[in-house]
Amino acid sequence: MRKHQLTSLGKELRVLRIKKNETIVDMAKKLNISYPMLSGIERGLNNFNMVLLDRLHEMYDLTDDQYVHLAYCMILSRKDI
């Protein structure tokens, strides 16, 4: 079975939660999604959307520059469904 690598967005999300000393479960609860869903987002198996990005912005008090950077990473990591 092929192991999926972290996407650029996944790397940023992981860094953000580690800096906040949070687990993937903690971040998923804040975003109101399951931790398997968040894990899939980090690995490019599930898509992140603007609603989740806005929630992340609010919950983690991101700067505008951080928000734009994550939006860019989200676009790069987007999986066509």
N, C-alpha and C. Protein backbone atom coordinates (compact mmCIF):
# COMPACT_ATOMS: atom_id res chain seq x y z
N MET A 1 0.84 -1.18 0.00
CA MET A 1 0.00 0.00 0.00
C MET A 1 0.89 1.24 0.00
N ARG A 2 0.60 2.18 -0.87
CA ARG A 2 1.37 3.41 -1.00
C ARG A 2 1.02 4.38 0.11
N LYS A 3 2.02 4.90 0.77
CA LYS A 3 1.80 5.87 1.82
C LYS A 3 1.75 7.26 1.20
N HIS A 4 0.72 8.03 1.51
CA HIS A 4 0.56 9.36 0.95
C HIS A 4 1.43 10.36 1.70
N GLN A 5 2.08 11.22 0.94
CA GLN A 5 2.92 12.26 1.50
C GLN A 5 2.08 13.46 1.90
N LEU A 6 2.59 14.24 2.83
CA LEU A 6 1.91 15.47 3.21
C LEU A 6 1.92 16.44 2.05
N THR A 7 0.81 17.12 1.85
CA THR A 7 0.73 18.18 0.85
C THR A 7 1.33 19.46 1.45
N SER A 8 1.48 20.49 0.63
CA SER A 8 1.97 21.76 1.16
C SER A 8 1.02 22.29 2.24
N LEU A 9 -0.28 22.14 2.02
CA LEU A 9 -1.24 22.56 3.04
C LEU A 9 -1.11 21.68 4.27
N GLY A 10 -0.96 20.39 4.07
CA GLY A 10 -0.81 19.47 5.19
C GLY A 10 0.38 19.81 6.06
N LYS A 11 1.49 20.17 5.42
CA LYS A 11 2.68 20.56 6.18
C LYS A 11 2.41 21.81 7.01
N GLU A 12 1.72 22.77 6.41
CA GLU A 12 1.41 24.02 7.13
C GLU A 12 0.46 23.76 8.30
N LEU A 13 -0.54 22.93 8.09
CA LEU A 13 -1.49 22.61 9.17
C LEU A 13 -0.78 21.90 10.30
N ARG A 14 0.09 20.97 9.95
CA ARG A 14 0.83 20.22 10.98
C ARG A 14 1.73 21.15 11.78
N VAL A 15 2.44 22.05 11.11
CA VAL A 15 3.31 23.01 11.81
C VAL A 15 2.47 23.89 12.74
N LEU A 16 1.33 24.36 12.25
CA LEU A 16 0.47 25.22 13.06
C LEU A 16 0.01 24.51 14.32
N ARG A 17 -0.45 23.28 14.20
CA ARG A 17 -0.95 22.59 15.39
C ARG A 17 0.16 22.19 16.34
N ILE A 18 1.33 21.87 15.81
CA ILE A 18 2.46 21.53 16.68
C ILE A 18 2.93 22.76 17.45
N LYS A 19 2.95 23.91 16.77
CA LYS A 19 3.31 25.16 17.46
C LYS A 19 2.34 25.47 18.60
N LYS A 20 1.09 25.08 18.42
CA LYS A 20 0.06 25.31 19.45
C LYS A 20 0.00 24.15 20.44
N ASN A 21 0.93 23.18 20.29
CA ASN A 21 0.99 22.01 21.16
C ASN A 21 -0.33 21.23 21.13
N GLU A 22 -0.86 21.05 19.93
CA GLU A 22 -2.12 20.35 19.76
C GLU A 22 -1.92 19.08 18.93
N THR A 23 -2.80 18.14 19.17
CA THR A 23 -2.83 16.92 18.37
C THR A 23 -3.73 17.13 17.17
N ILE A 24 -3.72 16.18 16.28
CA ILE A 24 -4.62 16.23 15.14
C ILE A 24 -6.08 16.19 15.60
N VAL A 25 -6.33 15.48 16.69
CA VAL A 25 -7.68 15.40 17.25
C VAL A 25 -8.12 16.78 17.76
N ASP A 26 -7.21 17.50 18.44
CA ASP A 26 -7.53 18.84 18.94
C ASP A 26 -7.91 19.78 17.80
N MET A 27 -7.08 19.79 16.74
CA MET A 27 -7.36 20.69 15.62
C MET A 27 -8.66 20.30 14.92
N ALA A 28 -8.88 19.02 14.74
CA ALA A 28 -10.11 18.56 14.09
C ALA A 28 -11.34 19.01 14.87
N LYS A 29 -11.29 18.92 16.19
CA LYS A 29 -12.42 19.37 17.01
C LYS A 29 -12.67 20.85 16.81
N LYS A 30 -11.59 21.66 16.77
CA LYS A 30 -11.75 23.10 16.57
C LYS A 30 -12.35 23.41 15.19
N LEU A 31 -12.02 22.59 14.21
CA LEU A 31 -12.54 22.80 12.86
C LEU A 31 -13.89 22.14 12.65
N ASN A 32 -14.34 21.38 13.67
CA ASN A 32 -15.63 20.68 13.62
C ASN A 32 -15.67 19.64 12.49
N ILE A 33 -14.54 18.91 12.36
CA ILE A 33 -14.46 17.79 11.43
C ILE A 33 -13.84 16.61 12.16
N SER A 34 -13.93 15.44 11.57
CA SER A 34 -13.32 14.27 12.21
C SER A 34 -11.81 14.30 12.01
N TYR A 35 -11.10 13.64 12.92
CA TYR A 35 -9.65 13.61 12.75
C TYR A 35 -9.22 12.79 11.53
N PRO A 36 -9.97 11.72 11.14
CA PRO A 36 -9.58 11.05 9.89
C PRO A 36 -9.74 11.97 8.67
N MET A 37 -10.74 12.85 8.71
CA MET A 37 -10.93 13.81 7.62
C MET A 37 -9.73 14.76 7.57
N LEU A 38 -9.31 15.27 8.73
CA LEU A 38 -8.17 16.18 8.78
C LEU A 38 -6.89 15.47 8.35
N SER A 39 -6.72 14.24 8.77
CA SER A 39 -5.57 13.46 8.34
C SER A 39 -5.56 13.32 6.82
N GLY A 40 -6.72 13.07 6.26
CA GLY A 40 -6.85 12.97 4.80
C GLY A 40 -6.54 14.27 4.10
N ILE A 41 -6.91 15.39 4.71
CA ILE A 41 -6.59 16.71 4.15
C ILE A 41 -5.08 16.89 4.15
N GLU A 42 -4.43 16.56 5.25
CA GLU A 42 -2.98 16.71 5.35
C GLU A 42 -2.26 15.87 4.30
N ARG A 43 -2.83 14.72 3.96
CA ARG A 43 -2.17 13.81 3.02
C ARG A 43 -2.71 13.92 1.60
N GLY A 44 -3.59 14.88 1.36
CA GLY A 44 -4.09 15.10 0.00
C GLY A 44 -5.20 14.16 -0.43
N LEU A 45 -5.78 13.44 0.51
CA LEU A 45 -6.87 12.52 0.17
C LEU A 45 -8.23 13.20 0.23
N ASN A 46 -8.34 14.27 1.02
CA ASN A 46 -9.57 15.04 1.15
C ASN A 46 -9.24 16.51 0.88
N ASN A 47 -10.23 17.22 0.38
CA ASN A 47 -10.04 18.64 0.09
C ASN A 47 -10.37 19.52 1.29
N PHE A 48 -9.64 20.60 1.39
CA PHE A 48 -9.89 21.65 2.36
C PHE A 48 -10.70 22.69 1.62
N ASN A 49 -11.61 23.39 2.29
CA ASN A 49 -12.42 24.39 1.59
C ASN A 49 -12.36 25.73 2.32
N MET A 50 -12.99 26.72 1.72
CA MET A 50 -12.94 28.08 2.28
C MET A 50 -13.62 28.17 3.64
N VAL A 51 -14.65 27.39 3.86
CA VAL A 51 -15.31 27.39 5.17
C VAL A 51 -14.33 26.94 6.25
N LEU A 52 -13.59 25.87 5.96
CA LEU A 52 -12.60 25.39 6.92
C LEU A 52 -11.45 26.38 7.07
N LEU A 53 -11.05 26.99 5.97
CA LEU A 53 -9.98 27.99 6.03
C LEU A 53 -10.41 29.18 6.90
N ASP A 54 -11.64 29.63 6.72
CA ASP A 54 -12.16 30.73 7.55
C ASP A 54 -12.23 30.33 9.02
N ARG A 55 -12.65 29.11 9.28
CA ARG A 55 -12.72 28.61 10.66
C ARG A 55 -11.32 28.55 11.26
N LEU A 56 -10.36 28.08 10.48
CA LEU A 56 -8.97 28.02 10.92
C LEU A 56 -8.44 29.43 11.24
N HIS A 57 -8.77 30.37 10.37
CA HIS A 57 -8.37 31.77 10.56
C HIS A 57 -8.89 32.31 11.89
N GLU A 58 -10.13 32.01 12.16
CA GLU A 58 -10.76 32.49 13.39
C GLU A 58 -10.23 31.76 14.63
N MET A 59 -10.15 30.45 14.57
CA MET A 59 -9.77 29.65 15.74
C MET A 59 -8.30 29.83 16.13
N TYR A 60 -7.45 30.11 15.14
CA TYR A 60 -6.02 30.22 15.40
C TYR A 60 -5.50 31.65 15.28
N ASP A 61 -6.43 32.61 15.13
CA ASP A 61 -6.07 34.02 15.09
C ASP A 61 -4.92 34.28 14.11
N LEU A 62 -5.10 33.78 12.89
CA LEU A 62 -4.07 33.93 11.87
C LEU A 62 -3.98 35.35 11.36
N THR A 63 -2.78 35.76 10.98
CA THR A 63 -2.62 37.07 10.34
C THR A 63 -3.17 36.97 8.92
N ASP A 64 -3.36 38.11 8.29
CA ASP A 64 -3.83 38.10 6.90
C ASP A 64 -2.81 37.41 5.99
N ASP A 65 -1.53 37.63 6.25
CA ASP A 65 -0.49 36.98 5.45
C ASP A 65 -0.54 35.46 5.61
N GLN A 66 -0.75 34.98 6.83
CA GLN A 66 -0.86 33.54 7.06
C GLN A 66 -2.08 32.98 6.33
N TYR A 67 -3.19 33.72 6.37
CA TYR A 67 -4.42 33.31 5.72
C TYR A 67 -4.21 33.16 4.22
N VAL A 68 -3.59 34.17 3.61
CA VAL A 68 -3.34 34.13 2.16
C VAL A 68 -2.40 32.99 1.81
N HIS A 69 -1.38 32.79 2.62
CA HIS A 69 -0.44 31.69 2.38
C HIS A 69 -1.15 30.34 2.45
N LEU A 70 -2.00 30.16 3.45
CA LEU A 70 -2.74 28.89 3.56
C LEU A 70 -3.73 28.72 2.41
N ALA A 71 -4.34 29.81 1.95
CA ALA A 71 -5.24 29.74 0.80
C ALA A 71 -4.47 29.29 -0.44
N TYR A 72 -3.27 29.82 -0.61
CA TYR A 72 -2.42 29.41 -1.74
C TYR A 72 -2.05 27.92 -1.63
N CYS A 73 -1.67 27.50 -0.43
CA CYS A 73 -1.35 26.08 -0.21
C CYS A 73 -2.56 25.20 -0.47
N MET A 74 -3.75 25.71 -0.10
CA MET A 74 -4.98 24.96 -0.31
C MET A 74 -5.20 24.73 -1.80
N ILE A 75 -4.96 25.75 -2.60
CA ILE A 75 -5.13 25.63 -4.05
C ILE A 75 -4.13 24.63 -4.61
N LEU A 76 -2.88 24.72 -4.17
CA LEU A 76 -1.85 23.80 -4.65
C LEU A 76 -2.16 22.35 -4.27
N SER A 77 -2.80 22.16 -3.13
CA SER A 77 -3.06 20.82 -2.60
C SER A 77 -4.41 20.26 -3.06
N ARG A 78 -5.16 21.04 -3.79
CA ARG A 78 -6.52 20.66 -4.18
C ARG A 78 -6.52 19.37 -5.01
N LYS A 79 -7.40 18.50 -4.61
CA LYS A 79 -7.58 17.22 -5.33
C LYS A 79 -8.84 17.33 -6.18
N ASP A 80 -8.74 17.03 -7.43
CA ASP A 80 -9.93 17.03 -8.29
C ASP A 80 -10.81 15.86 -7.95
N ILE A 81 -12.08 16.15 -7.76
CA ILE A 81 -13.04 15.09 -7.40
C ILE A 81 -13.93 14.81 -8.59
